Amino acid sequence: MSQTTYSPSELLKMQKDAERRVREMQKRAEQRLSHPQSSDGAPSSPPSPPPPAFAAPSDPVSSLLSSFSDDRALILLLLLVLYKEKADLPLLLSLLYLLL
């Protein structure tokens, strides 16, 4: 691996250039904070209020399943299907353990 060495004048020039770029970025950031603009150039309107979290489902099964994560709901449904198919008890217990 070759290692590049810079002279003191080159280092000073790079440092001055970096300082100049920082000042430019700070100036642009201050301008955007004091004069917010939308992407089409018009002044942006205040943000709209966020929508409600979610409406409560009217179906009791949906409300029960919505309290579970997708993974938990899938494991629960798999448990029910395997129970109906008379699967062995250690398998059912291991799936129950995953629900903890």
Foldseek 3Di string as FASTA:
>chain_A
DDDDDDDPVVVVVVVVVVVVVVVVVVVVVVVCVVQPADPVGHGDDPDDDDDDPDDQDPDPVVNVLVVDDPVLSVLVVVLVVCVVVVHDDVVSVVSVVVND
